[in-house]
């Protein structure tokens, strides 16, 4: 591991954005195979640099990788470094097309996994009020995505609906936001979306 690490770091910092994008897609598997917290911490700095990369395609790829390894990242790292990035990334759906940064195209599909792990598996929220505020933030993002004119985005939202509901608990179904989202999915113009909801 220690012999391989310098090569991985070098590729993460490559001058070619295609190489950095490729490494962003592989970094999750590499971090999972590391055996010590010391080595993992060394790679977290590379992950953060890639999340701030100048190229959209690199940031998008590493963001998806980051979501996929939420279950192994240190809680403090998630709370201080990853949560703000996730909030900003999903917040881009409210911005106009003139924004310098765009939401990663595959991000809506990962919403359920991210939402569930963030609020039920990471243990980063000691304060219930803070947890609720963050849940509300992401639910508003989810609502906006569910009303997208892009059928693929709406399909992703419908796909993730069970995970969202499981995270906030069934009692929250009475909340008008989740109830209204389900109603829209049931009445959606896209057949694949209605068929998906019918399979819940």
Protein backbone atom coordinates (compact mmCIF):
# COMPACT_ATOMS: atom_id res chain seq x y z
CA UNK A 1 0.00 0.00 0.00
CA UNK A 2 2.68 2.48 0.99
CA UNK A 3 4.60 1.75 -2.22
CA UNK A 4 1.52 2.25 -4.37
CA UNK A 5 0.34 5.43 -2.64
CA UNK A 6 2.81 7.87 -4.29
CA UNK A 7 1.76 6.67 -7.75
CA UNK A 8 -1.91 7.13 -6.93
CA UNK A 9 -1.27 10.62 -5.57
CA UNK A 10 0.72 11.49 -8.69
CA UNK A 11 -2.15 10.43 -10.96
CA UNK A 12 -4.67 12.37 -8.86
CA UNK A 13 -2.56 15.47 -9.48
CA UNK A 14 -1.92 14.78 -13.17
CA UNK A 15 -2.03 17.76 -15.54
CA UNK A 16 -4.54 15.94 -17.76
CA UNK A 17 -8.13 16.32 -16.61
CA UNK A 18 -8.95 13.00 -18.29
CA UNK A 19 -6.42 11.25 -16.05
CA UNK A 20 -7.75 13.03 -12.96
CA UNK A 21 -11.29 12.04 -13.91
CA UNK A 22 -10.23 8.42 -14.36
CA UNK A 23 -8.52 8.42 -10.98
CA UNK A 24 -11.57 10.03 -9.40
CA UNK A 25 -13.60 7.04 -10.51
CA UNK A 26 -11.07 4.58 -9.05
CA UNK A 27 -10.28 6.38 -5.82
CA UNK A 28 -13.18 4.90 -3.87
CA UNK A 29 -12.05 1.32 -4.48
CA UNK A 30 -8.48 2.26 -3.61
CA UNK A 31 -9.46 3.94 -0.33
CA UNK A 32 -11.59 0.92 0.62
CA UNK A 33 -8.59 -1.39 0.31
CA UNK A 34 -6.34 0.69 2.56
CA UNK A 35 -5.72 -1.06 5.87
CA UNK A 36 -4.82 1.81 8.18
CA UNK A 37 -6.47 5.10 9.11
CA UNK A 38 -3.12 6.84 8.53
CA UNK A 39 -3.10 5.86 4.86
CA UNK A 40 -6.77 6.72 4.46
CA UNK A 41 -6.16 10.18 5.92
CA UNK A 42 -3.37 10.73 3.41
CA UNK A 43 -5.80 10.06 0.58
CA UNK A 44 -8.53 12.29 1.98
CA UNK A 45 -6.50 15.38 1.13
CA UNK A 46 -6.35 14.19 -2.49
CA UNK A 47 -10.09 13.63 -2.46
CA UNK A 48 -10.67 17.19 -1.27
CA UNK A 49 -8.40 18.61 -3.96
CA UNK A 50 -10.31 16.72 -6.64
CA UNK A 51 -13.61 18.01 -5.24
CA UNK A 52 -12.27 21.50 -5.89
CA UNK A 53 -10.89 20.68 -9.35
CA UNK A 54 -11.24 23.33 -12.04
CA UNK A 55 -12.96 20.90 -14.41
CA UNK A 56 -16.63 19.98 -13.99
CA UNK A 57 -16.15 16.40 -15.17
CA UNK A 58 -13.50 15.76 -12.53
CA UNK A 59 -15.58 17.30 -9.72
CA UNK A 60 -18.64 15.35 -10.83
CA UNK A 61 -16.79 12.03 -10.90
CA UNK A 62 -15.14 12.45 -7.51
CA UNK A 63 -18.42 13.60 -5.98
CA UNK A 64 -20.09 10.34 -7.02
CA UNK A 65 -17.11 8.43 -5.65
CA UNK A 66 -17.32 10.33 -2.37
CA UNK A 67 -21.01 9.47 -1.99
CA UNK A 68 -20.23 5.80 -2.63
CA UNK A 69 -17.76 5.67 0.28
CA UNK A 70 -19.72 7.65 2.88
CA UNK A 71 -19.91 4.46 4.92
CA UNK A 72 -16.13 4.36 5.48
CA UNK A 73 -15.19 8.03 5.70
CA UNK A 74 -14.40 9.45 9.16
CA UNK A 75 -17.41 11.17 10.71
CA UNK A 76 -15.51 14.37 11.44
CA UNK A 77 -14.31 14.54 7.85
CA UNK A 78 -17.85 14.14 6.56
CA UNK A 79 -19.22 16.80 8.90
CA UNK A 80 -16.57 19.42 8.26
CA UNK A 81 -15.57 18.80 4.65
CA UNK A 82 -18.09 16.66 2.78
CA UNK A 83 -21.46 17.85 4.08
CA UNK A 84 -20.87 21.45 2.86
CA UNK A 85 -19.88 20.13 -0.57
CA UNK A 86 -22.98 17.95 -0.80
CA UNK A 87 -25.23 20.82 0.24
CA UNK A 88 -23.66 23.09 -2.34
CA UNK A 89 -23.76 20.45 -5.08
CA UNK A 90 -27.43 19.64 -4.65
CA UNK A 91 -28.12 23.33 -4.20
CA UNK A 92 -27.00 23.91 -7.79
CA UNK A 93 -30.35 22.66 -9.00
CA UNK A 94 -31.81 26.01 -7.97
CA UNK A 95 -29.38 27.96 -10.08
CA UNK A 96 -29.87 29.10 -13.66
CA UNK A 97 -28.01 27.69 -16.63
CA UNK A 98 -25.68 30.68 -16.51
CA UNK A 99 -24.07 29.36 -13.31
CA UNK A 100 -20.36 28.61 -13.57
CA UNK A 101 -20.88 25.28 -11.81
CA UNK A 102 -23.42 22.68 -12.90
CA UNK A 103 -24.97 19.84 -10.97
CA UNK A 104 -23.40 16.48 -11.79
CA UNK A 105 -25.76 14.72 -14.26
CA UNK A 106 -25.68 11.44 -12.29
CA UNK A 107 -26.21 13.11 -8.91
CA UNK A 108 -30.03 12.74 -8.73
CA UNK A 109 -29.68 8.95 -9.07
CA UNK A 110 -27.42 8.88 -6.00
CA UNK A 111 -29.68 11.03 -3.82
CA UNK A 112 -31.30 8.14 -1.94
CA UNK A 113 -28.02 6.43 -1.04
CA UNK A 114 -26.49 9.76 0.03
CA UNK A 115 -29.54 10.88 2.02
CA UNK A 116 -29.98 7.56 3.84
CA UNK A 117 -26.31 7.10 4.76
CA UNK A 118 -25.79 10.72 5.71
CA UNK A 119 -28.64 10.79 8.20
CA UNK A 120 -28.77 7.21 9.50
CA UNK A 121 -25.26 5.76 9.24
CA UNK A 122 -22.63 8.46 9.73
CA UNK A 123 -23.59 9.63 13.23
CA UNK A 124 -22.42 13.18 12.49
CA UNK A 125 -25.42 14.97 13.99
CA UNK A 126 -25.35 15.27 17.77
CA UNK A 127 -27.82 18.13 17.74
CA UNK A 128 -31.31 17.13 16.62
CA UNK A 129 -32.14 20.66 15.49
CA UNK A 130 -29.09 20.70 13.22
CA UNK A 131 -30.01 17.29 11.84
CA UNK A 132 -33.55 18.45 11.10
CA UNK A 133 -32.32 21.62 9.42
CA UNK A 134 -30.03 19.63 7.15
CA UNK A 135 -32.75 17.12 6.34
CA UNK A 136 -35.05 19.99 5.39
CA UNK A 137 -32.36 21.44 3.12
CA UNK A 138 -31.93 18.20 1.19
CA UNK A 139 -35.68 17.56 1.05
CA UNK A 140 -36.17 20.94 -0.62
CA UNK A 141 -33.50 19.96 -3.15
CA UNK A 142 -35.31 16.65 -3.67
CA UNK A 143 -38.61 18.44 -4.22
CA UNK A 144 -37.05 20.71 -6.82
CA UNK A 145 -35.53 17.75 -8.66
CA UNK A 146 -38.85 15.91 -8.56
CA UNK A 147 -40.41 18.81 -10.47
CA UNK A 148 -37.68 18.91 -13.11
CA UNK A 149 -38.63 19.16 -16.78
CA UNK A 150 -36.08 16.39 -17.37
CA UNK A 151 -37.85 13.02 -17.23
CA UNK A 152 -34.64 11.18 -16.31
CA UNK A 153 -34.22 13.41 -13.25
CA UNK A 154 -37.84 12.81 -12.19
CA UNK A 155 -37.34 9.08 -12.71
CA UNK A 156 -34.29 9.19 -10.44
CA UNK A 157 -36.33 10.96 -7.79
CA UNK A 158 -39.09 8.37 -8.00
CA UNK A 159 -36.46 5.62 -7.79
CA UNK A 160 -35.07 7.18 -4.62
CA UNK A 161 -38.44 7.85 -2.97
CA UNK A 162 -38.41 4.70 -0.78
CA UNK A 163 -34.93 5.56 0.56
CA UNK A 164 -36.01 9.12 1.33
CA UNK A 165 -39.13 7.91 3.13
CA UNK A 166 -37.17 5.28 5.07
CA UNK A 167 -34.73 7.94 6.23
CA UNK A 168 -37.30 10.40 7.55
CA UNK A 169 -39.57 7.59 8.83
CA UNK A 170 -43.08 6.70 7.75
CA UNK A 171 -44.69 9.23 10.09
CA UNK A 172 -43.23 11.98 7.93
CA UNK A 173 -45.39 10.78 5.03
CA UNK A 174 -48.02 13.07 6.48
CA UNK A 175 -45.66 15.91 5.63
CA UNK A 176 -47.16 17.57 2.58
CA UNK A 177 -43.83 17.62 0.73
CA UNK A 178 -43.39 13.85 0.56
CA UNK A 179 -47.08 13.21 0.03
CA UNK A 180 -47.20 15.70 -2.81
CA UNK A 181 -44.07 14.23 -4.40
CA UNK A 182 -45.69 10.80 -4.49
CA UNK A 183 -48.87 12.28 -5.97
CA UNK A 184 -46.86 13.93 -8.74
CA UNK A 185 -45.02 10.68 -9.50
CA UNK A 186 -48.32 8.81 -9.76
CA UNK A 187 -49.64 11.41 -12.22
CA UNK A 188 -46.37 11.94 -14.09
CA UNK A 189 -46.52 12.12 -17.88
CA UNK A 190 -43.69 9.58 -18.09
CA UNK A 191 -44.92 5.99 -18.28
CA UNK A 192 -41.65 4.63 -16.88
CA UNK A 193 -42.07 6.82 -13.78
CA UNK A 194 -45.65 5.69 -13.14
CA UNK A 195 -44.63 2.07 -13.73
CA UNK A 196 -41.76 2.46 -11.26
CA UNK A 197 -44.06 3.88 -8.59
CA UNK A 198 -46.47 1.04 -9.21
CA UNK A 199 -43.73 -1.42 -8.29
CA UNK A 200 -43.13 0.09 -4.82
